[in-house]
């Protein structure tokens, strides 16, 4: 089961990974860092 979960996570697109991690939520606490520091994905 662990291998299947790992493959699923590694297969996520950058946008999907951000969505699953909650980084795209309106109230995300590190939004300023993502918008001003990280390159868009």
PDB file of N, CA and C in Angstrom:
ATOM      1  N   UNK A   1       0.809  -1.188   0.000  1.00  0.00           N
ATOM      2  CA  UNK A   1       0.000   0.000   0.000  1.00  0.00           C
ATOM      3  C   UNK A   1       0.863   1.267   0.000  1.00  0.00           C
ATOM      4  N   UNK A   2       1.968   1.186   0.702  1.00  0.00           N
ATOM      5  CA  UNK A   2       2.848   2.350   0.774  1.00  0.00           C
ATOM      6  C   UNK A   2       3.399   2.689  -0.600  1.00  0.00           C
ATOM      7  N   UNK A   3       3.793   1.680  -1.352  1.00  0.00           N
ATOM      8  CA  UNK A   3       4.342   1.927  -2.687  1.00  0.00           C
ATOM      9  C   UNK A   3       3.294   2.565  -3.606  1.00  0.00           C
ATOM     10  N   UNK A   4       2.064   2.104  -3.521  1.00  0.00           N
ATOM     11  CA  UNK A   4       0.995   2.677  -4.340  1.00  0.00           C
ATOM     12  C   UNK A   4       0.754   4.140  -3.954  1.00  0.00           C
ATOM     13  N   UNK A   5       0.771   4.435  -2.664  1.00  0.00           N
ATOM     14  CA  UNK A   5       0.579   5.816  -2.213  1.00  0.00           C
ATOM     15  C   UNK A   5       1.732   6.698  -2.668  1.00  0.00           C
ATOM     16  N   UNK A   6       2.934   6.188  -2.586  1.00  0.00           N
ATOM     17  CA  UNK A   6       4.105   6.943  -3.023  1.00  0.00           C
ATOM     18  C   UNK A   6       4.026   7.249  -4.513  1.00  0.00           C
ATOM     19  N   UNK A   7       3.654   6.279  -5.300  1.00  0.00           N
ATOM     20  CA  UNK A   7       3.530   6.495  -6.740  1.00  0.00           C
ATOM     21  C   UNK A   7       2.442   7.511  -7.053  1.00  0.00           C
ATOM     22  N   UNK A   8       1.362   7.479  -6.295  1.00  0.00           N
ATOM     23  CA  UNK A   8       0.276   8.441  -6.502  1.00  0.00           C
ATOM     24  C   UNK A   8       0.764   9.862  -6.214  1.00  0.00           C
ATOM     25  N   UNK A   9       1.469  10.033  -5.089  1.00  0.00           N
ATOM     26  CA  UNK A   9       1.974  11.364  -4.723  1.00  0.00           C
ATOM     27  C   UNK A   9       2.971  11.854  -5.756  1.00  0.00           C
ATOM     28  N   UNK A  10       3.892  11.004  -6.153  1.00  0.00           N
ATOM     29  CA  UNK A  10       4.911  11.401  -7.124  1.00  0.00           C
ATOM     30  C   UNK A  10       4.325  11.678  -8.510  1.00  0.00           C
ATOM     31  N   UNK A  11       3.162  11.128  -8.776  1.00  0.00           N
ATOM     32  CA  UNK A  11       2.514  11.331 -10.066  1.00  0.00           C
ATOM     33  C   UNK A  11       1.663  12.591 -10.148  1.00  0.00           C
ATOM     34  N   UNK A  12       1.513  13.294  -9.025  1.00  0.00           N
ATOM     35  CA  UNK A  12       0.715  14.520  -9.038  1.00  0.00           C
ATOM     36  C   UNK A  12       1.429  15.614  -9.822  1.00  0.00           C
ATOM     37  N   UNK A  13       0.661  16.408 -10.537  1.00  0.00           N
ATOM     38  CA  UNK A  13       1.222  17.582 -11.198  1.00  0.00           C
ATOM     39  C   UNK A  13       1.558  18.612 -10.113  1.00  0.00           C
ATOM     40  N   UNK A  14       2.418  19.580 -10.403  1.00  0.00           N
ATOM     41  CA  UNK A  14       2.711  20.608  -9.399  1.00  0.00           C
ATOM     42  C   UNK A  14       1.453  21.311  -8.895  1.00  0.00           C
ATOM     43  N   UNK A  15       0.530  21.602  -9.793  1.00  0.00           N
ATOM     44  CA  UNK A  15      -0.727  22.268  -9.409  1.00  0.00           C
ATOM     45  C   UNK A  15      -1.553  21.371  -8.497  1.00  0.00           C
ATOM     46  N   UNK A  16      -1.652  20.084  -8.832  1.00  0.00           N
ATOM     47  CA  UNK A  16      -2.401  19.157  -7.991  1.00  0.00           C
ATOM     48  C   UNK A  16      -1.749  18.982  -6.622  1.00  0.00           C
ATOM     49  N   UNK A  17      -0.423  18.953  -6.577  1.00  0.00           N
ATOM     50  CA  UNK A  17       0.277  18.820  -5.301  1.00  0.00           C
ATOM     51  C   UNK A  17      -0.020  20.020  -4.403  1.00  0.00           C
ATOM     52  N   UNK A  18       0.000  21.223  -4.967  1.00  0.00           N
ATOM     53  CA  UNK A  18      -0.334  22.420  -4.190  1.00  0.00           C
ATOM     54  C   UNK A  18      -1.767  22.366  -3.695  1.00  0.00           C
ATOM     55  N   UNK A  19      -2.670  21.900  -4.545  1.00  0.00           N
ATOM     56  CA  UNK A  19      -4.082  21.810  -4.163  1.00  0.00           C
ATOM     57  C   UNK A  19      -4.265  20.799  -3.032  1.00  0.00           C
ATOM     58  N   UNK A  20      -3.645  19.631  -3.160  1.00  0.00           N
ATOM     59  CA  UNK A  20      -3.784  18.593  -2.138  1.00  0.00           C
ATOM     60  C   UNK A  20      -3.171  19.025  -0.812  1.00  0.00           C
ATOM     61  N   UNK A  21      -2.109  19.830  -0.857  1.00  0.00           N
ATOM     62  CA  UNK A  21      -1.447  20.297   0.357  1.00  0.00           C
ATOM     63  C   UNK A  21      -2.189  21.457   1.006  1.00  0.00           C
ATOM     64  N   UNK A  22      -3.190  21.988   0.329  1.00  0.00           N
ATOM     65  CA  UNK A  22      -3.955  23.100   0.873  1.00  0.00           C
ATOM     66  C   UNK A  22      -3.348  24.464   0.585  1.00  0.00           C
ATOM     67  N   UNK A  23      -2.294  24.496  -0.222  1.00  0.00           N
ATOM     68  CA  UNK A  23      -1.601  25.757  -0.506  1.00  0.00           C
ATOM     69  C   UNK A  23      -2.435  26.712  -1.351  1.00  0.00           C
ATOM     70  N   UNK A  24      -3.444  26.221  -2.009  1.00  0.00           N
ATOM     71  CA  UNK A  24      -4.275  27.078  -2.851  1.00  0.00           C
ATOM     72  C   UNK A  24      -5.531  27.551  -2.130  1.00  0.00           C
ATOM     73  N   UNK A  25      -5.684  27.164  -0.873  1.00  0.00           N
ATOM     74  CA  UNK A  25      -6.837  27.591  -0.086  1.00  0.00           C
ATOM     75  C   UNK A  25      -6.746  29.091   0.195  1.00  0.00           C
ATOM     76  N   UNK A  26      -7.879  29.732   0.266  1.00  0.00           N
ATOM     77  CA  UNK A  26      -7.931  31.178   0.471  1.00  0.00           C
ATOM     78  C   UNK A  26      -7.218  31.608   1.753  1.00  0.00           C
ATOM     79  N   UNK A  27      -7.332  30.824   2.801  1.00  0.00           N
ATOM     80  CA  UNK A  27      -6.739  31.186   4.081  1.00  0.00           C
ATOM     81  C   UNK A  27      -5.357  30.596   4.325  1.00  0.00           C
ATOM     82  N   UNK A  28      -4.682  30.143   3.284  1.00  0.00           N
ATOM     83  CA  UNK A  28      -3.372  29.515   3.478  1.00  0.00           C
ATOM     84  C   UNK A  28      -2.411  30.497   4.136  1.00  0.00           C
ATOM     85  N   UNK A  29      -1.784  30.084   5.221  1.00  0.00           N
ATOM     86  CA  UNK A  29      -0.989  30.987   6.051  1.00  0.00           C
ATOM     87  C   UNK A  29       0.336  31.404   5.426  1.00  0.00           C
ATOM     88  N   UNK A  30       0.804  30.726   4.392  1.00  0.00           N
ATOM     89  CA  UNK A  30       2.055  31.117   3.736  1.00  0.00           C
ATOM     90  C   UNK A  30       1.818  31.702   2.336  1.00  0.00           C
ATOM     91  N   UNK A  31       0.614  32.205   2.097  1.00  0.00           N
ATOM     92  CA  UNK A  31       0.277  32.720   0.770  1.00  0.00           C
ATOM     93  C   UNK A  31       1.241  33.819   0.323  1.00  0.00           C
ATOM     94  N   UNK A  32       1.602  34.742   1.201  1.00  0.00           N
ATOM     95  CA  UNK A  32       2.524  35.819   0.831  1.00  0.00           C
ATOM     96  C   UNK A  32       3.856  35.254   0.352  1.00  0.00           C
ATOM     97  N   UNK A  33       4.356  34.228   1.016  1.00  0.00           N
ATOM     98  CA  UNK A  33       5.611  33.614   0.601  1.00  0.00           C
ATOM     99  C   UNK A  33       5.469  32.994  -0.780  1.00  0.00           C
ATOM    100  N   UNK A  34       4.397  32.276  -1.007  1.00  0.00           N
ATOM    101  CA  UNK A  34       4.198  31.639  -2.304  1.00  0.00           C
ATOM    102  C   UNK A  34       4.058  32.667  -3.417  1.00  0.00           C
ATOM    103  N   UNK A  35       3.342  33.743  -3.164  1.00  0.00           N
ATOM    104  CA  UNK A  35       3.086  34.735  -4.202  1.00  0.00           C
ATOM    105  C   UNK A  35       4.284  35.628  -4.471  1.00  0.00           C
ATOM    106  N   UNK A  36       5.126  35.881  -3.475  1.00  0.00           N
ATOM    107  CA  UNK A  36       6.208  36.827  -3.622  1.00  0.00           C
ATOM    108  C   UNK A  36       7.603  36.206  -3.704  1.00  0.00           C
ATOM    109  N   UNK A  37       7.708  34.921  -3.420  1.00  0.00           N
ATOM    110  CA  UNK A  37       9.021  34.296  -3.370  1.00  0.00           C
ATOM    111  C   UNK A  37       9.158  33.147  -4.369  1.00  0.00           C
ATOM    112  N   UNK A  38       8.170  32.239  -4.357  1.00  0.00           N
ATOM    113  CA  UNK A  38       8.225  31.059  -5.211  1.00  0.00           C
ATOM    114  C   UNK A  38       7.806  31.379  -6.640  1.00  0.00           C
ATOM    115  N   UNK A  39       8.415  30.709  -7.588  1.00  0.00           N
ATOM    116  CA  UNK A  39       7.975  30.828  -8.976  1.00  0.00           C
ATOM    117  C   UNK A  39       6.617  30.177  -9.132  1.00  0.00           C
ATOM    118  N   UNK A  40       5.755  30.708  -9.979  1.00  0.00           N
ATOM    119  CA  UNK A  40       4.439  30.081 -10.202  1.00  0.00           C
ATOM    120  C   UNK A  40       4.600  28.678 -10.776  1.00  0.00           C
ATOM    121  N   UNK A  41       3.673  27.804 -10.410  1.00  0.00           N
ATOM    122  CA  UNK A  41       3.683  26.440 -10.956  1.00  0.00           C
ATOM    123  C   UNK A  41       2.485  26.226 -11.825  1.00  0.00           C
TER     124      UNK A  41
END
